[in-house]
C-alpha cells in the first residue's frame, strides 16, 4: 500500500509538474481538481479497473494504468477507455451496480479495505472521471491522472 495517493484532472505538463513537486515534498504550484485516496497503489486501482470493466460489460478494455514519464514511476494516466468505464459508473443504469462493485473491490484479496471505505471512494472517482471527460471535451489535452508515492 502506498503512503500517499491521489487522482487529479490535469494536462500532461501539469501532471508531470504536480508529480515532481509531490515527489520533492513541495506543494504543487498549480491547483487542479484532486481526489485524495487512502494510500492506494496503482495495482489496487488496476484491480478496481478490472472489476469495473466486467461490471459495465466493456469487453476488450484494459484495466492497466499508463506510465506518464519514465523518470516518474509514481505517476500514471488513466487511459481513455478505462476513464469512460469509470465515468459510466457516475450515472449507472442500475445504482446498485456501484454498491456491488464497491463490495467486490473491498473483498479482493489485494485490498485491505471495507465497502464503507470503497463505496464513497468509488462514487467520488466516478464523478471525477465524468468531470475529466467533460474537461477533455473543452481541451483534448486534459485527462485523469493517478499519483501514488511509496
Protein backbone atom coordinates (compact mmCIF):
# COMPACT_ATOMS: atom_id res chain seq x y z
CA UNK A 1 0.00 0.00 0.00
CA UNK A 2 1.22 3.47 -0.84
CA UNK A 3 1.76 6.16 1.78
CA UNK A 4 0.02 8.83 -0.31
CA UNK A 5 -2.03 8.68 -3.46
CA UNK A 6 -4.47 10.83 -5.38
CA UNK A 7 -6.38 11.17 -8.61
CA UNK A 8 -6.36 14.55 -10.32
CA UNK A 9 -7.51 16.20 -13.54
CA UNK A 10 -4.81 17.99 -15.49
CA UNK A 11 -2.97 18.14 -18.78
CA UNK A 12 0.31 16.25 -19.26
CA UNK A 13 2.51 19.23 -18.36
CA UNK A 14 0.54 19.98 -15.17
CA UNK A 15 0.56 16.28 -14.21
CA UNK A 16 4.33 15.98 -14.53
CA UNK A 17 4.88 19.24 -12.60
CA UNK A 18 2.49 18.10 -9.85
CA UNK A 19 4.18 14.70 -9.52
CA UNK A 20 7.65 16.26 -9.40
CA UNK A 21 6.53 18.68 -6.68
CA UNK A 22 4.90 15.86 -4.66
CA UNK A 23 8.00 13.69 -5.03
CA UNK A 24 10.18 16.58 -3.82
CA UNK A 25 7.85 17.10 -0.84
CA UNK A 26 6.74 20.52 -2.07
CA UNK A 27 3.20 21.80 -2.58
CA UNK A 28 2.15 21.72 -6.25
CA UNK A 29 2.35 25.11 -7.98
CA UNK A 30 -0.90 24.70 -9.93
CA UNK A 31 -4.23 23.90 -8.32
CA UNK A 32 -6.21 21.19 -10.09
CA UNK A 33 -9.23 19.09 -9.10
CA UNK A 34 -7.93 16.40 -6.71
CA UNK A 35 -9.38 13.25 -5.15
CA UNK A 36 -7.14 12.03 -2.31
CA UNK A 37 -7.22 8.26 -1.98
CA UNK A 38 -6.43 6.33 1.21
CA UNK A 39 -2.91 5.31 0.25
CA UNK A 40 -3.98 3.15 -2.69
CA UNK A 41 -1.39 1.78 -5.08
CA UNK A 42 -1.60 1.68 -8.86
CA UNK A 43 -2.09 -2.09 -8.60
CA UNK A 44 -5.16 -1.65 -6.38
CA UNK A 45 -6.59 0.82 -8.90
CA UNK A 46 -5.96 -1.69 -11.69
CA UNK A 47 -7.83 -4.32 -9.65
CA UNK A 48 -10.75 -1.87 -9.47
CA UNK A 49 -10.43 -1.23 -13.20
CA UNK A 50 -10.69 -4.94 -13.97
CA UNK A 51 -13.78 -5.30 -11.80
CA UNK A 52 -15.36 -2.13 -13.27
CA UNK A 53 -14.76 -3.30 -16.85
CA UNK A 54 -16.66 -6.51 -16.06
CA UNK A 55 -19.43 -4.63 -14.22
CA UNK A 56 -20.20 -2.35 -17.18
CA UNK A 57 -19.62 -5.13 -19.73
CA UNK A 58 -16.86 -3.22 -21.54
CA UNK A 59 -15.23 -6.14 -23.31
CA UNK A 60 -11.76 -5.55 -24.65
CA UNK A 61 -10.99 -2.62 -22.33
CA UNK A 62 -7.72 -2.98 -20.43
CA UNK A 63 -7.56 -2.09 -16.75
CA UNK A 64 -3.89 -1.08 -16.73
CA UNK A 65 -2.82 2.47 -15.98
CA UNK A 66 -0.28 4.08 -18.32
CA UNK A 67 3.10 5.29 -17.11
CA UNK A 68 3.34 9.00 -17.95
CA UNK A 69 7.09 9.59 -17.79
CA UNK A 70 9.94 7.09 -17.47
CA UNK A 71 11.53 9.27 -14.77
CA UNK A 72 8.30 9.39 -12.72
CA UNK A 73 7.38 5.82 -11.87
CA UNK A 74 4.71 7.03 -9.44
CA UNK A 75 2.62 9.00 -11.98
CA UNK A 76 0.06 7.24 -14.15
CA UNK A 77 -2.56 8.29 -16.70
CA UNK A 78 -5.96 6.63 -16.77
CA UNK A 79 -6.36 5.51 -20.42
CA UNK A 80 -9.38 6.96 -22.23
CA UNK A 81 -11.26 3.65 -22.46
CA UNK A 82 -10.85 2.99 -18.73
CA UNK A 83 -11.77 6.61 -17.99
CA UNK A 84 -15.05 6.07 -19.85
CA UNK A 85 -15.71 2.91 -17.81
CA UNK A 86 -15.19 4.80 -14.54
CA UNK A 87 -17.35 7.69 -15.81
CA UNK A 88 -20.14 5.28 -16.75
CA UNK A 89 -20.38 4.40 -13.05
CA UNK A 90 -21.29 8.02 -12.28
CA UNK A 91 -24.82 7.56 -13.60
CA UNK A 92 -25.26 3.81 -13.96
CA UNK A 93 -28.44 2.23 -15.29
CA UNK A 94 -28.65 0.35 -12.00
CA UNK A 95 -27.33 2.33 -8.99
CA UNK A 96 -26.91 -0.96 -7.13
CA UNK A 97 -24.05 -1.76 -9.54
CA UNK A 98 -21.80 0.78 -7.80
CA UNK A 99 -22.59 -0.66 -4.39
CA UNK A 100 -21.91 -4.19 -5.63
CA UNK A 101 -18.66 -3.07 -7.26
CA UNK A 102 -17.51 -1.40 -4.03
CA UNK A 103 -18.18 -4.63 -2.13
CA UNK A 104 -16.30 -6.70 -4.76
CA UNK A 105 -13.34 -4.29 -4.70
CA UNK A 106 -13.13 -4.32 -0.89
CA UNK A 107 -13.30 -8.13 -0.92
CA UNK A 108 -10.49 -8.53 -3.48
CA UNK A 109 -7.51 -10.28 -1.91
CA UNK A 110 -5.25 -7.37 -2.97
CA UNK A 111 -7.30 -4.90 -0.93
CA UNK A 112 -7.20 -4.12 2.76
CA UNK A 113 -10.43 -2.19 3.00
CA UNK A 114 -14.16 -2.31 3.60
CA UNK A 115 -17.19 -1.37 1.50
CA UNK A 116 -17.73 1.57 3.86
CA UNK A 117 -14.44 2.98 2.54
CA UNK A 118 -14.54 1.76 -1.07
CA UNK A 119 -18.15 2.83 -1.69
CA UNK A 120 -17.72 6.60 -1.20
CA UNK A 121 -14.29 6.45 -2.87
CA UNK A 122 -15.72 4.69 -5.91
CA UNK A 123 -18.58 7.21 -6.19
CA UNK A 124 -16.11 10.11 -5.94
CA UNK A 125 -13.85 8.51 -8.56
CA UNK A 126 -16.80 8.01 -10.91
CA UNK A 127 -17.75 11.69 -10.51
CA UNK A 128 -14.15 12.75 -11.10
CA UNK A 129 -13.92 10.55 -14.22
CA UNK A 130 -17.08 12.17 -15.58
CA UNK A 131 -15.59 15.62 -14.86
CA UNK A 132 -12.35 14.61 -16.61
CA UNK A 133 -14.28 13.54 -19.71
CA UNK A 134 -16.12 16.87 -19.65
CA UNK A 135 -12.81 18.76 -19.30
CA UNK A 136 -11.38 16.80 -22.25
CA UNK A 137 -14.30 17.93 -24.41
CA UNK A 138 -13.10 21.52 -23.99
CA UNK A 139 -9.38 20.68 -24.12
CA UNK A 140 -8.25 17.39 -25.65
CA UNK A 141 -5.03 17.52 -23.59
CA UNK A 142 -6.90 17.13 -20.29
CA UNK A 143 -7.03 13.74 -18.61
CA UNK A 144 -7.29 11.86 -15.34
CA UNK A 145 -4.01 11.04 -13.60
CA UNK A 146 -3.11 8.91 -10.60
CA UNK A 147 -0.14 9.61 -8.35
CA UNK A 148 0.97 7.03 -5.80
CA UNK A 149 4.05 7.55 -3.64
CA UNK A 150 5.59 4.79 -1.51
